[in-house]
C-alpha cells in the first residue's frame, strides 16, 4: 500500500510505494536550516505532481525542490549523473511519525 503526502498548501502532492525503512538527517549547511528528514526512493518509484522550483547550490549535483506558493521543501533530484535514487521530505508524508522510524545521522557538513 502506498503513501501520499503534500506541501502545506496542497499545490504539490507526493506518492511513494511504501513507508521509508529509515530516514536521513543530514548536517550540511542547507539541511540544518531546512530540518528535513529525507526518505530515499528510486526515481521511478516517486510521483510528484504540481509545480516545484529547484534551488541549486554548491557542487550543483542536485536540485532541491520546493513549492512556489507555500515554500515547503518537497524533494531533491540529481541534475546530471544518476544516483539511482532521489530524496523526499518524509515530513510531508501523511501519518509520518519520526519516532517510529530509524533516523540515520548523515555527516555531509564537510567541516
N, C-alpha and C. Protein backbone atom coordinates (compact mmCIF):
# COMPACT_ATOMS: atom_id res chain seq x y z
N UNK A 1 0.85 -1.18 0.00
CA UNK A 1 0.00 0.00 0.00
C UNK A 1 0.89 1.23 0.00
N UNK A 2 0.58 2.18 -0.82
CA UNK A 2 1.38 3.38 -0.94
C UNK A 2 1.03 4.45 0.07
N UNK A 3 1.88 5.43 0.13
CA UNK A 3 1.66 6.60 1.00
C UNK A 3 1.55 7.84 0.13
N UNK A 4 0.80 8.78 0.63
CA UNK A 4 0.65 10.07 -0.04
C UNK A 4 1.03 11.18 0.93
N UNK A 5 1.28 12.33 0.36
CA UNK A 5 1.58 13.49 1.16
C UNK A 5 1.47 14.73 0.30
N UNK A 6 1.71 15.87 0.90
CA UNK A 6 1.65 17.13 0.15
C UNK A 6 2.38 18.22 0.91
N UNK A 7 2.61 19.30 0.18
CA UNK A 7 3.13 20.50 0.82
C UNK A 7 2.01 21.12 1.66
N UNK A 8 2.28 22.21 2.34
CA UNK A 8 1.31 22.82 3.24
C UNK A 8 0.05 23.28 2.51
N UNK A 9 0.21 23.90 1.33
CA UNK A 9 -0.95 24.44 0.62
C UNK A 9 -1.65 23.39 -0.25
N UNK A 10 -1.03 22.23 -0.44
CA UNK A 10 -1.62 21.18 -1.27
C UNK A 10 -1.33 21.31 -2.75
N UNK A 11 -0.55 22.31 -3.13
CA UNK A 11 -0.24 22.52 -4.54
C UNK A 11 0.69 21.46 -5.11
N UNK A 12 1.48 20.83 -4.27
CA UNK A 12 2.37 19.75 -4.70
C UNK A 12 1.98 18.51 -3.91
N UNK A 13 1.73 17.43 -4.63
CA UNK A 13 1.41 16.17 -3.96
C UNK A 13 2.50 15.15 -4.25
N UNK A 14 2.66 14.23 -3.32
CA UNK A 14 3.68 13.20 -3.40
C UNK A 14 3.04 11.84 -3.19
N UNK A 15 3.55 10.84 -3.89
CA UNK A 15 3.10 9.47 -3.69
C UNK A 15 4.31 8.55 -3.76
N UNK A 16 4.41 7.65 -2.80
CA UNK A 16 5.51 6.67 -2.74
C UNK A 16 4.89 5.29 -2.50
N UNK A 17 5.62 4.23 -2.86
CA UNK A 17 5.04 2.89 -2.76
C UNK A 17 4.91 2.34 -1.34
N UNK A 18 5.73 2.85 -0.41
CA UNK A 18 5.73 2.30 0.95
C UNK A 18 6.39 3.30 1.89
N UNK A 19 6.18 3.09 3.16
CA UNK A 19 6.82 3.93 4.17
C UNK A 19 8.33 3.70 4.13
N UNK A 20 9.12 4.72 4.45
CA UNK A 20 10.57 4.52 4.45
C UNK A 20 11.00 3.61 5.60
N UNK A 21 12.01 2.78 5.34
CA UNK A 21 12.58 1.94 6.39
C UNK A 21 13.43 2.78 7.34
N UNK A 22 14.01 3.84 6.81
CA UNK A 22 14.82 4.77 7.59
C UNK A 22 14.80 6.12 6.88
N UNK A 23 15.18 7.16 7.60
CA UNK A 23 15.31 8.49 7.02
C UNK A 23 16.66 9.06 7.41
N UNK A 24 17.15 9.97 6.59
CA UNK A 24 18.43 10.60 6.86
C UNK A 24 18.24 12.00 7.43
N UNK A 25 19.03 12.31 8.43
CA UNK A 25 19.09 13.64 9.00
C UNK A 25 20.49 14.16 8.70
N UNK A 26 20.58 15.01 7.68
CA UNK A 26 21.86 15.49 7.17
C UNK A 26 22.28 16.76 7.91
N UNK A 27 23.59 16.92 8.09
CA UNK A 27 24.09 18.10 8.80
C UNK A 27 24.75 19.12 7.87
N UNK A 28 24.50 19.03 6.55
CA UNK A 28 25.06 20.05 5.65
C UNK A 28 24.43 21.40 5.97
N UNK A 29 25.00 22.46 5.47
CA UNK A 29 24.53 23.80 5.82
C UNK A 29 23.07 24.03 5.43
N UNK A 30 22.60 23.45 4.33
CA UNK A 30 21.21 23.63 3.92
C UNK A 30 20.25 22.78 4.75
N UNK A 31 20.56 21.51 4.89
CA UNK A 31 19.66 20.62 5.64
C UNK A 31 19.53 21.02 7.10
N UNK A 32 20.60 21.56 7.68
CA UNK A 32 20.50 22.04 9.07
C UNK A 32 19.45 23.13 9.17
N UNK A 33 19.37 23.98 8.17
CA UNK A 33 18.40 25.08 8.21
C UNK A 33 16.99 24.63 7.82
N UNK A 34 16.89 23.67 6.90
CA UNK A 34 15.57 23.21 6.44
C UNK A 34 14.91 22.24 7.41
N UNK A 35 15.71 21.45 8.12
CA UNK A 35 15.15 20.50 9.07
C UNK A 35 14.49 19.29 8.43
N UNK A 36 14.86 18.98 7.20
CA UNK A 36 14.29 17.82 6.52
C UNK A 36 14.70 16.53 7.19
N UNK A 37 13.85 15.53 7.09
CA UNK A 37 14.20 14.13 7.28
C UNK A 37 13.96 13.50 5.92
N UNK A 38 15.00 12.97 5.31
CA UNK A 38 14.93 12.55 3.92
C UNK A 38 14.74 11.05 3.80
N UNK A 39 13.72 10.66 3.04
CA UNK A 39 13.48 9.27 2.69
C UNK A 39 13.98 9.08 1.26
N UNK A 40 14.63 7.97 1.00
CA UNK A 40 15.23 7.72 -0.31
C UNK A 40 14.45 6.64 -1.05
N UNK A 41 14.18 6.92 -2.33
CA UNK A 41 13.45 6.00 -3.19
C UNK A 41 14.07 6.05 -4.58
N UNK A 42 13.91 4.95 -5.36
CA UNK A 42 14.30 5.03 -6.77
C UNK A 42 13.48 6.12 -7.47
N UNK A 43 14.10 6.80 -8.43
CA UNK A 43 13.42 7.90 -9.13
C UNK A 43 12.03 7.52 -9.63
N UNK A 44 11.92 6.32 -10.22
CA UNK A 44 10.66 5.93 -10.83
C UNK A 44 9.61 5.44 -9.83
N UNK A 45 9.96 5.40 -8.54
CA UNK A 45 9.02 4.96 -7.50
C UNK A 45 8.27 6.12 -6.87
N UNK A 46 8.65 7.35 -7.20
CA UNK A 46 8.05 8.54 -6.59
C UNK A 46 7.26 9.30 -7.64
N UNK A 47 6.05 9.69 -7.26
CA UNK A 47 5.24 10.53 -8.15
C UNK A 47 5.07 11.90 -7.49
N UNK A 48 5.57 12.92 -8.15
CA UNK A 48 5.42 14.29 -7.68
C UNK A 48 4.53 15.01 -8.68
N UNK A 49 3.44 15.58 -8.21
CA UNK A 49 2.57 16.34 -9.10
C UNK A 49 2.47 17.77 -8.59
N UNK A 50 2.31 18.69 -9.50
CA UNK A 50 2.28 20.12 -9.17
C UNK A 50 3.60 20.77 -9.51
N UNK A 51 3.58 22.07 -9.53
CA UNK A 51 4.78 22.84 -9.89
C UNK A 51 5.73 22.94 -8.71
N UNK A 52 7.01 22.72 -8.99
CA UNK A 52 8.05 22.96 -7.99
C UNK A 52 9.15 23.81 -8.62
N UNK A 53 9.92 24.42 -7.78
CA UNK A 53 11.08 25.21 -8.21
C UNK A 53 12.31 24.59 -7.57
N UNK A 54 13.36 24.44 -8.36
CA UNK A 54 14.59 23.84 -7.85
C UNK A 54 15.57 24.91 -7.40
N UNK A 55 16.15 24.69 -6.25
CA UNK A 55 17.26 25.50 -5.75
C UNK A 55 18.52 24.69 -5.97
N UNK A 56 19.49 25.27 -6.64
CA UNK A 56 20.74 24.57 -6.97
C UNK A 56 21.89 25.34 -6.35
N UNK A 57 22.76 24.63 -5.65
CA UNK A 57 23.87 25.32 -4.99
C UNK A 57 25.07 24.39 -4.91
N UNK A 58 26.14 24.86 -4.31
CA UNK A 58 27.32 24.04 -4.03
C UNK A 58 27.89 23.38 -5.27
N UNK A 59 27.99 22.06 -5.21
CA UNK A 59 28.60 21.30 -6.31
C UNK A 59 27.67 21.13 -7.51
N UNK A 60 26.45 21.64 -7.41
CA UNK A 60 25.47 21.66 -8.50
C UNK A 60 25.11 20.26 -9.00
N UNK A 61 25.11 19.28 -8.08
CA UNK A 61 24.76 17.91 -8.45
C UNK A 61 23.28 17.60 -8.27
N UNK A 62 22.62 18.34 -7.37
CA UNK A 62 21.20 18.09 -7.13
C UNK A 62 20.42 19.39 -7.14
N UNK A 63 19.14 19.26 -7.46
CA UNK A 63 18.19 20.36 -7.34
C UNK A 63 17.29 20.07 -6.16
N UNK A 64 17.19 21.01 -5.23
CA UNK A 64 16.35 20.85 -4.06
C UNK A 64 15.05 21.59 -4.36
N UNK A 65 13.98 20.83 -4.51
CA UNK A 65 12.71 21.39 -4.98
C UNK A 65 11.81 21.84 -3.84
N UNK A 66 11.05 22.89 -4.11
CA UNK A 66 10.09 23.40 -3.14
C UNK A 66 8.86 23.93 -3.86
N UNK A 67 7.77 24.04 -3.13
CA UNK A 67 6.53 24.60 -3.66
C UNK A 67 6.69 26.11 -3.80
N UNK A 68 6.34 26.68 -4.96
CA UNK A 68 6.49 28.12 -5.13
C UNK A 68 5.44 28.94 -4.37
N UNK A 69 4.42 28.29 -3.86
CA UNK A 69 3.37 29.02 -3.15
C UNK A 69 3.63 29.03 -1.64
N UNK A 70 3.74 27.85 -1.02
CA UNK A 70 3.91 27.81 0.44
C UNK A 70 5.36 27.66 0.87
N UNK A 71 6.24 27.31 -0.06
CA UNK A 71 7.67 27.22 0.25
C UNK A 71 8.14 25.91 0.83
N UNK A 72 7.25 24.95 1.07
CA UNK A 72 7.68 23.66 1.63
C UNK A 72 8.65 22.96 0.70
N UNK A 73 9.76 22.48 1.27
CA UNK A 73 10.69 21.66 0.53
C UNK A 73 10.07 20.30 0.30
N UNK A 74 10.08 19.83 -0.95
CA UNK A 74 9.40 18.59 -1.29
C UNK A 74 10.34 17.43 -1.56
N UNK A 75 11.38 17.65 -2.37
CA UNK A 75 12.25 16.55 -2.76
C UNK A 75 13.52 17.09 -3.38
N UNK A 76 14.49 16.19 -3.55
CA UNK A 76 15.67 16.55 -4.33
C UNK A 76 15.86 15.51 -5.42
N UNK A 77 16.39 15.96 -6.55
CA UNK A 77 16.69 15.08 -7.68
C UNK A 77 18.06 15.46 -8.23
N UNK A 78 18.71 14.47 -8.87
CA UNK A 78 20.00 14.74 -9.47
C UNK A 78 19.84 15.62 -10.70
N UNK A 79 20.89 16.36 -11.02
CA UNK A 79 20.89 17.24 -12.19
C UNK A 79 21.72 16.68 -13.34
N UNK A 80 22.44 15.64 -13.09
CA UNK A 80 23.30 15.07 -14.12
C UNK A 80 23.43 13.59 -13.90
N UNK A 81 24.54 13.22 -13.29
CA UNK A 81 24.78 11.80 -13.00
C UNK A 81 23.62 11.23 -12.18
N UNK A 82 23.15 10.08 -12.58
CA UNK A 82 22.03 9.44 -11.90
C UNK A 82 22.55 8.71 -10.67
N UNK A 83 22.07 9.07 -9.49
CA UNK A 83 22.47 8.40 -8.26
C UNK A 83 21.63 7.14 -8.01
N UNK A 84 20.64 6.90 -8.88
CA UNK A 84 19.76 5.75 -8.71
C UNK A 84 18.71 5.94 -7.64
N UNK A 85 18.61 7.15 -7.15
CA UNK A 85 17.62 7.45 -6.12
C UNK A 85 17.37 8.95 -6.08
N UNK A 86 16.31 9.29 -5.39
CA UNK A 86 16.02 10.69 -5.11
C UNK A 86 15.63 10.78 -3.64
N UNK A 87 15.65 11.97 -3.12
CA UNK A 87 15.30 12.17 -1.72
C UNK A 87 13.97 12.90 -1.60
N UNK A 88 13.16 12.47 -0.67
CA UNK A 88 11.84 13.04 -0.46
C UNK A 88 11.75 13.53 0.98
N UNK A 89 11.17 14.68 1.19
CA UNK A 89 10.99 15.21 2.54
C UNK A 89 9.92 14.36 3.24
N UNK A 90 10.35 13.41 4.06
CA UNK A 90 9.43 12.47 4.70
C UNK A 90 8.44 13.17 5.61
N UNK A 91 8.77 14.34 6.10
CA UNK A 91 7.85 15.07 6.98
C UNK A 91 6.56 15.45 6.27
N UNK A 92 6.55 15.42 4.94
CA UNK A 92 5.34 15.76 4.19
C UNK A 92 4.41 14.57 3.98
N UNK A 93 4.86 13.36 4.29
CA UNK A 93 4.03 12.18 4.10
C UNK A 93 2.94 12.11 5.17
N UNK A 94 1.72 11.86 4.75
CA UNK A 94 0.60 11.76 5.68
C UNK A 94 0.88 10.65 6.70
N UNK A 95 0.74 10.97 7.97
CA UNK A 95 0.91 9.99 9.03
C UNK A 95 2.35 9.66 9.39
N UNK A 96 3.32 10.35 8.77
CA UNK A 96 4.72 10.07 9.08
C UNK A 96 5.01 10.42 10.52
N UNK A 97 5.61 9.48 11.25
CA UNK A 97 5.98 9.68 12.64
C UNK A 97 7.47 9.37 12.79
N UNK A 98 8.32 10.39 12.94
CA UNK A 98 9.76 10.14 13.03
C UNK A 98 10.15 9.27 14.22
N UNK A 99 9.31 9.16 15.22
CA UNK A 99 9.62 8.32 16.37
C UNK A 99 9.48 6.83 16.03
N UNK A 100 8.86 6.52 14.89
CA UNK A 100 8.62 5.13 14.52
C UNK A 100 9.52 4.64 13.39
N UNK A 101 10.56 5.40 13.08
CA UNK A 101 11.47 5.01 12.01
C UNK A 101 12.90 5.31 12.45
N UNK A 102 13.84 4.54 11.95
CA UNK A 102 15.25 4.80 12.26
C UNK A 102 15.68 6.11 11.61
N UNK A 103 16.31 6.98 12.37
CA UNK A 103 16.86 8.23 11.85
C UNK A 103 18.38 8.09 11.83
N UNK A 104 18.95 8.12 10.64
CA UNK A 104 20.40 7.99 10.48
C UNK A 104 21.00 9.37 10.32
N UNK A 105 22.02 9.67 11.10
CA UNK A 105 22.70 10.95 11.01
C UNK A 105 23.71 10.87 9.86
N UNK A 106 23.57 11.77 8.89
CA UNK A 106 24.42 11.79 7.71
C UNK A 106 25.39 12.97 7.82
N UNK A 107 26.68 12.67 7.89
CA UNK A 107 27.69 13.71 8.06
C UNK A 107 28.15 14.22 6.70
N UNK A 108 27.50 15.28 6.25
CA UNK A 108 27.83 15.91 4.98
C UNK A 108 28.25 17.37 5.15
N UNK A 109 28.65 17.74 6.37
CA UNK A 109 28.99 19.12 6.64
C UNK A 109 30.29 19.56 6.00
N UNK A 110 31.20 18.62 5.75
CA UNK A 110 32.45 18.97 5.12
C UNK A 110 33.36 19.81 5.99
N UNK A 111 33.16 19.76 7.30
CA UNK A 111 34.00 20.56 8.22
C UNK A 111 35.37 19.96 8.37
